[in-house]
Amino acid sequence: MDQNLKFLQGFGDISEASFKKLKKLATFRKVPANTLLAEAGTVQKNVYMLVSGVISAYVTSESGKHFSKRLFTPISFAGALTAILKDEPTKVNYITLTDCKIYEMNFHDFKDLCREEFEIGRLYVKVLEHAFIAYEDRNLDLMRLNATESYLKLRKQIPDIDNLIPQYQIASYLNITPVQLSRIRKQLNFI
């Protein structure tokens, strides 16, 4: 069985026939690290299924400070969905932090397929539910966990995170400074 079909079936039943229709809409790409997939201020049309690597969704303040909104790891879905749904320029940048393998798909073509194929529409709902839960979990973590707890949780979610992406990216995701992260790593004997 195709590994991607198996992953999608984790969200709900999807037949091989529906999967083949879905796969026809997608383009497989190998994308090098530090490739901007979506730039703030631009209108986007594509969404991505991340097969390998790490993607960051981030915003930059007027002063140039970088704030990481989300880290995407395999297998997950990424893209400027809010901007696409609102038909406006994205406020968020999406960049590959490592070499990545992705499937890229035009979101409007995908939505058309959702209208034609009940299974695909149901899959879309399940993926959105999963994304909503992840978003709420992230917001709750920002409110209730201290920096050390957040870092340990991130290391549990992405065991090799310290070797995958730069420390300043990790610090940004945790909403702390690189110096704070260095202190936490030293306290935990991770340095």
C-alpha atoms as a PDB file:
ATOM      1  CA  MET A   1       0.000   0.000   0.000  1.00  0.00           C
ATOM      2  CA  ASP A   2       1.222   3.518  -0.829  1.00  0.00           C
ATOM      3  CA  GLN A   3       2.630   5.148   2.334  1.00  0.00           C
ATOM      4  CA  ASN A   4       0.796   8.408   1.597  1.00  0.00           C
ATOM      5  CA  LEU A   5      -2.522   6.590   1.203  1.00  0.00           C
ATOM      6  CA  LYS A   6      -1.873   4.840   4.508  1.00  0.00           C
ATOM      7  CA  PHE A   7      -1.202   8.227   6.149  1.00  0.00           C
ATOM      8  CA  LEU A   8      -4.397   9.749   4.743  1.00  0.00           C
ATOM      9  CA  GLN A   9      -6.420   6.732   5.851  1.00  0.00           C
ATOM     10  CA  GLY A  10      -5.331   7.650   9.384  1.00  0.00           C
ATOM     11  CA  PHE A  11      -7.790  10.545   9.083  1.00  0.00           C
ATOM     12  CA  GLY A  12     -10.600   8.350   7.777  1.00  0.00           C
ATOM     13  CA  ASP A  13     -11.597   5.923   5.074  1.00  0.00           C
ATOM     14  CA  ILE A  14     -10.392   6.814   1.605  1.00  0.00           C
ATOM     15  CA  SER A  15     -10.457   4.375  -1.272  1.00  0.00           C
ATOM     16  CA  GLU A  16      -7.551   3.807  -3.628  1.00  0.00           C
ATOM     17  CA  ALA A  17      -9.692   5.215  -6.468  1.00  0.00           C
ATOM     18  CA  SER A  18     -10.251   8.501  -4.595  1.00  0.00           C
ATOM     19  CA  PHE A  19      -6.598   8.587  -3.590  1.00  0.00           C
ATOM     20  CA  LYS A  20      -5.559   8.272  -7.250  1.00  0.00           C
ATOM     21  CA  LYS A  21      -7.757  11.253  -8.144  1.00  0.00           C
ATOM     22  CA  LEU A  22      -6.239  13.232  -5.331  1.00  0.00           C
ATOM     23  CA  LYS A  23      -2.717  12.235  -6.305  1.00  0.00           C
ATOM     24  CA  LYS A  24      -3.306  13.471  -9.878  1.00  0.00           C
ATOM     25  CA  LEU A  25      -3.740  16.986  -8.487  1.00  0.00           C
ATOM     26  CA  ALA A  26      -0.438  16.878  -6.597  1.00  0.00           C
ATOM     27  CA  THR A  27       3.090  17.500  -7.817  1.00  0.00           C
ATOM     28  CA  PHE A  28       5.956  15.875  -5.950  1.00  0.00           C
ATOM     29  CA  ARG A  29       8.898  18.206  -5.319  1.00  0.00           C
ATOM     30  CA  LYS A  30      12.267  18.029  -3.623  1.00  0.00           C
ATOM     31  CA  VAL A  31      12.855  21.458  -2.124  1.00  0.00           C
ATOM     32  CA  PRO A  32      16.207  22.613  -0.719  1.00  0.00           C
ATOM     33  CA  ALA A  33      16.540  24.158   2.736  1.00  0.00           C
ATOM     34  CA  ASN A  34      15.785  27.867   3.049  1.00  0.00           C
ATOM     35  CA  THR A  35      13.289  27.908   0.188  1.00  0.00           C
ATOM     36  CA  LEU A  36      10.420  30.325   0.670  1.00  0.00           C
ATOM     37  CA  LEU A  37       7.209  28.462  -0.199  1.00  0.00           C
ATOM     38  CA  ALA A  38       4.953  31.420   0.589  1.00  0.00           C
ATOM     39  CA  GLU A  39       5.972  34.999   1.250  1.00  0.00           C
ATOM     40  CA  ALA A  40       4.009  37.435   3.388  1.00  0.00           C
ATOM     41  CA  GLY A  41       2.201  39.952   1.221  1.00  0.00           C
ATOM     42  CA  THR A  42       1.692  37.585  -1.705  1.00  0.00           C
ATOM     43  CA  VAL A  43      -1.458  35.822  -2.856  1.00  0.00           C
ATOM     44  CA  GLN A  44      -1.117  32.069  -2.532  1.00  0.00           C
ATOM     45  CA  LYS A  45      -2.894  29.219  -4.273  1.00  0.00           C
ATOM     46  CA  ASN A  46      -0.969  26.102  -3.209  1.00  0.00           C
ATOM     47  CA  VAL A  47      -0.947  23.925  -0.110  1.00  0.00           C
ATOM     48  CA  TYR A  48       1.627  21.283   0.753  1.00  0.00           C
ATOM     49  CA  MET A  49       1.832  17.834   2.249  1.00  0.00           C
ATOM     50  CA  LEU A  50       5.228  17.520   3.903  1.00  0.00           C
ATOM     51  CA  VAL A  51       6.727  14.071   3.419  1.00  0.00           C
ATOM     52  CA  SER A  52      10.191  14.752   4.865  1.00  0.00           C
ATOM     53  CA  GLY A  53      12.004  17.704   6.407  1.00  0.00           C
ATOM     54  CA  VAL A  54      10.899  20.690   8.475  1.00  0.00           C
ATOM     55  CA  ILE A  55       8.916  23.758   7.387  1.00  0.00           C
ATOM     56  CA  SER A  56       8.472  26.895   9.493  1.00  0.00           C
ATOM     57  CA  ALA A  57       5.542  29.286   9.387  1.00  0.00           C
ATOM     58  CA  TYR A  58       6.683  32.646  10.701  1.00  0.00           C
ATOM     59  CA  VAL A  59       5.945  36.345  10.776  1.00  0.00           C
ATOM     60  CA  THR A  60       8.360  39.227  10.938  1.00  0.00           C
ATOM     61  CA  SER A  61       7.697  42.359  12.981  1.00  0.00           C
ATOM     62  CA  GLU A  62       8.252  45.846  11.617  1.00  0.00           C
ATOM     63  CA  SER A  63      11.542  45.910  13.519  1.00  0.00           C
ATOM     64  CA  GLY A  64      12.617  42.730  11.736  1.00  0.00           C
ATOM     65  CA  LYS A  65      12.135  40.324  14.647  1.00  0.00           C
ATOM     66  CA  HIS A  66      11.243  36.784  13.607  1.00  0.00           C
ATOM     67  CA  PHE A  67       8.313  35.009  15.328  1.00  0.00           C
ATOM     68  CA  SER A  68       7.838  31.336  14.538  1.00  0.00           C
ATOM     69  CA  LYS A  69       4.152  30.442  14.457  1.00  0.00           C
ATOM     70  CA  ARG A  70       4.463  26.756  13.733  1.00  0.00           C
ATOM     71  CA  LEU A  71       6.938  24.023  12.844  1.00  0.00           C
ATOM     72  CA  PHE A  72       5.686  21.397  10.412  1.00  0.00           C
ATOM     73  CA  THR A  73       7.217  17.921  10.445  1.00  0.00           C
ATOM     74  CA  PRO A  74       6.378  14.808   8.426  1.00  0.00           C
ATOM     75  CA  ILE A  75       3.734  13.949   7.635  1.00  0.00           C
ATOM     76  CA  SER A  76       1.690  17.124   7.885  1.00  0.00           C
ATOM     77  CA  PHE A  77      -0.073  19.749   5.818  1.00  0.00           C
ATOM     78  CA  ALA A  78       1.256  23.288   5.451  1.00  0.00           C
ATOM     79  CA  GLY A  79       0.294  26.383   3.564  1.00  0.00           C
ATOM     80  CA  ALA A  80      -1.278  29.821   3.835  1.00  0.00           C
ATOM     81  CA  LEU A  81      -4.779  28.389   4.148  1.00  0.00           C
ATOM     82  CA  THR A  82      -6.302  31.374   5.949  1.00  0.00           C
ATOM     83  CA  ALA A  83      -5.150  33.725   3.198  1.00  0.00           C
ATOM     84  CA  ILE A  84      -6.316  31.326   0.488  1.00  0.00           C
ATOM     85  CA  LEU A  85      -9.745  30.966   2.085  1.00  0.00           C
ATOM     86  CA  LYS A  86     -10.074  34.739   2.508  1.00  0.00           C
ATOM     87  CA  ASP A  87      -8.653  35.366  -0.982  1.00  0.00           C
ATOM     88  CA  GLU A  88      -6.135  37.867   0.309  1.00  0.00           C
ATOM     89  CA  PRO A  89      -2.350  38.123   0.626  1.00  0.00           C
ATOM     90  CA  THR A  90      -0.837  35.937   3.310  1.00  0.00           C
ATOM     91  CA  LYS A  91       0.498  37.479   6.506  1.00  0.00           C
ATOM     92  CA  VAL A  92       2.678  34.448   7.178  1.00  0.00           C
ATOM     93  CA  ASN A  93       5.891  33.250   5.530  1.00  0.00           C
ATOM     94  CA  TYR A  94       6.418  29.529   4.963  1.00  0.00           C
ATOM     95  CA  ILE A  95      10.030  28.419   4.569  1.00  0.00           C
ATOM     96  CA  THR A  96      11.809  25.073   4.418  1.00  0.00           C
ATOM     97  CA  LEU A  97      14.287  24.833   7.293  1.00  0.00           C
ATOM     98  CA  THR A  98      15.788  21.608   5.952  1.00  0.00           C
ATOM     99  CA  ASP A  99      15.781  19.865   2.600  1.00  0.00           C
ATOM    100  CA  CYS A 100      12.169  18.766   2.161  1.00  0.00           C
ATOM    101  CA  LYS A 101      10.090  16.438   0.070  1.00  0.00           C
ATOM    102  CA  ILE A 102       6.595  17.761  -0.491  1.00  0.00           C
ATOM    103  CA  TYR A 103       3.478  17.265  -2.517  1.00  0.00           C
ATOM    104  CA  GLU A 104       2.213  20.597  -3.814  1.00  0.00           C
ATOM    105  CA  MET A 105      -1.424  21.080  -4.763  1.00  0.00           C
ATOM    106  CA  ASN A 106      -3.598  23.919  -5.978  1.00  0.00           C
ATOM    107  CA  PHE A 107      -6.108  24.425  -3.187  1.00  0.00           C
ATOM    108  CA  HIS A 108      -8.992  25.470  -5.466  1.00  0.00           C
ATOM    109  CA  ASP A 109      -8.553  22.333  -7.589  1.00  0.00           C
ATOM    110  CA  PHE A 110      -8.579  20.329  -4.359  1.00  0.00           C
ATOM    111  CA  LYS A 111     -11.816  22.019  -3.242  1.00  0.00           C
ATOM    112  CA  ASP A 112     -13.394  21.194  -6.605  1.00  0.00           C
ATOM    113  CA  LEU A 113     -12.447  17.551  -6.061  1.00  0.00           C
ATOM    114  CA  CYS A 114     -13.986  17.716  -2.564  1.00  0.00           C
ATOM    115  CA  ARG A 115     -17.307  18.666  -4.163  1.00  0.00           C
ATOM    116  CA  GLU A 116     -17.070  15.756  -6.606  1.00  0.00           C
ATOM    117  CA  GLU A 117     -15.767  13.077  -4.233  1.00  0.00           C
ATOM    118  CA  PHE A 118     -17.493  12.609  -0.885  1.00  0.00           C
ATOM    119  CA  GLU A 119     -14.503  10.691   0.526  1.00  0.00           C
ATOM    120  CA  ILE A 120     -12.140  13.555  -0.309  1.00  0.00           C
ATOM    121  CA  GLY A 121     -14.535  16.081   1.229  1.00  0.00           C
ATOM    122  CA  ARG A 122     -14.744  14.018   4.394  1.00  0.00           C
ATOM    123  CA  LEU A 123     -10.930  13.755   4.438  1.00  0.00           C
ATOM    124  CA  TYR A 124     -10.687  17.548   4.189  1.00  0.00           C
ATOM    125  CA  VAL A 125     -12.973  17.959   7.196  1.00  0.00           C
ATOM    126  CA  LYS A 126     -10.891  15.483   9.206  1.00  0.00           C
ATOM    127  CA  VAL A 127      -7.641  17.267   8.299  1.00  0.00           C
ATOM    128  CA  LEU A 128      -9.164  20.618   9.324  1.00  0.00           C
ATOM    129  CA  GLU A 129     -10.298  19.115  12.639  1.00  0.00           C
ATOM    130  CA  HIS A 130      -6.778  17.817  13.226  1.00  0.00           C
ATOM    131  CA  ALA A 131      -5.300  21.238  12.386  1.00  0.00           C
ATOM    132  CA  PHE A 132      -7.727  22.985  14.740  1.00  0.00           C
ATOM    133  CA  ILE A 133      -6.799  20.656  17.593  1.00  0.00           C
ATOM    134  CA  ALA A 134      -3.073  21.232  16.959  1.00  0.00           C
ATOM    135  CA  TYR A 135      -3.641  25.001  16.865  1.00  0.00           C
ATOM    136  CA  GLU A 136      -5.530  24.959  20.152  1.00  0.00           C
ATOM    137  CA  ASP A 137      -2.907  22.726  21.792  1.00  0.00           C
ATOM    138  CA  ARG A 138      -0.171  25.165  20.711  1.00  0.00           C
ATOM    139  CA  ASN A 139      -2.073  28.137  22.135  1.00  0.00           C
ATOM    140  CA  LEU A 140      -2.688  26.334  25.426  1.00  0.00           C
ATOM    141  CA  ASP A 141       0.991  25.373  25.648  1.00  0.00           C
ATOM    142  CA  LEU A 142       1.989  29.014  25.198  1.00  0.00           C
ATOM    143  CA  MET A 143      -0.229  29.924  28.148  1.00  0.00           C
ATOM    144  CA  ARG A 144       0.502  27.117  30.590  1.00  0.00           C
ATOM    145  CA  LEU A 145       4.003  25.775  29.952  1.00  0.00           C
ATOM    146  CA  ASN A 146       7.191  27.489  30.984  1.00  0.00           C
ATOM    147  CA  ALA A 147      10.092  27.683  28.533  1.00  0.00           C
ATOM    148  CA  THR A 148      11.795  24.528  29.797  1.00  0.00           C
ATOM    149  CA  GLU A 149       8.579  22.510  29.614  1.00  0.00           C
ATOM    150  CA  SER A 150       7.899  23.815  26.105  1.00  0.00           C
ATOM    151  CA  TYR A 151      11.404  22.871  24.989  1.00  0.00           C
ATOM    152  CA  LEU A 152      11.116  19.361  26.449  1.00  0.00           C
ATOM    153  CA  LYS A 153       7.734  18.906  24.758  1.00  0.00           C
ATOM    154  CA  LEU A 154       9.205  20.030  21.437  1.00  0.00           C
ATOM    155  CA  ARG A 155      12.112  17.581  21.830  1.00  0.00           C
ATOM    156  CA  LYS A 156       9.597  14.824  22.504  1.00  0.00           C
ATOM    157  CA  GLN A 157       7.602  15.740  19.376  1.00  0.00           C
ATOM    158  CA  ILE A 158      10.738  16.146  17.216  1.00  0.00           C
ATOM    159  CA  PRO A 159      13.490  14.089  18.913  1.00  0.00           C
ATOM    160  CA  ASP A 160      16.328  15.292  16.658  1.00  0.00           C
ATOM    161  CA  ILE A 161      15.227  18.956  16.601  1.00  0.00           C
ATOM    162  CA  ASP A 162      18.565  20.276  17.910  1.00  0.00           C
ATOM    163  CA  ASN A 163      20.377  18.718  14.956  1.00  0.00           C
ATOM    164  CA  LEU A 164      17.756  19.573  12.339  1.00  0.00           C
ATOM    165  CA  ILE A 165      17.371  23.330  12.609  1.00  0.00           C
ATOM    166  CA  PRO A 166      19.351  26.245  14.039  1.00  0.00           C
ATOM    167  CA  GLN A 167      18.943  27.085  17.715  1.00  0.00           C
ATOM    168  CA  TYR A 168      17.575  30.555  16.934  1.00  0.00           C
ATOM    169  CA  GLN A 169      14.710  28.888  15.017  1.00  0.00           C
ATOM    170  CA  ILE A 170      13.938  26.681  18.015  1.00  0.00           C
ATOM    171  CA  ALA A 171      14.078  29.703  20.330  1.00  0.00           C
ATOM    172  CA  SER A 172      11.737  31.643  18.050  1.00  0.00           C
ATOM    173  CA  TYR A 173       9.236  28.784  18.058  1.00  0.00           C
ATOM    174  CA  LEU A 174       9.394  28.654  21.864  1.00  0.00           C
ATOM    175  CA  ASN A 175       8.962  32.443  22.038  1.00  0.00           C
ATOM    176  CA  ILE A 176      12.243  32.873  23.931  1.00  0.00           C
ATOM    177  CA  THR A 177      15.651  34.281  23.064  1.00  0.00           C
ATOM    178  CA  PRO A 178      18.530  32.107  21.834  1.00  0.00           C
ATOM    179  CA  VAL A 179      20.363  33.003  25.075  1.00  0.00           C
ATOM    180  CA  GLN A 180      17.436  31.675  27.136  1.00  0.00           C
ATOM    181  CA  LEU A 181      17.424  28.483  25.082  1.00  0.00           C
ATOM    182  CA  SER A 182      21.154  28.059  25.605  1.00  0.00           C
ATOM    183  CA  ARG A 183      20.670  28.402  29.379  1.00  0.00           C
ATOM    184  CA  ILE A 184      17.843  25.849  29.352  1.00  0.00           C
ATOM    185  CA  ARG A 185      19.934  23.398  27.308  1.00  0.00           C
ATOM    186  CA  LYS A 186      22.844  23.879  29.720  1.00  0.00           C
ATOM    187  CA  GLN A 187      20.602  23.290  32.776  1.00  0.00           C
ATOM    188  CA  LEU A 188      19.313  20.088  31.168  1.00  0.00           C
ATOM    189  CA  ASN A 189      22.862  19.010  30.242  1.00  0.00           C
ATOM    190  CA  PHE A 190      21.987  19.020  26.519  1.00  0.00           C
ATOM    191  CA  ILE A 191      25.104  21.036  25.677  1.00  0.00           C
END
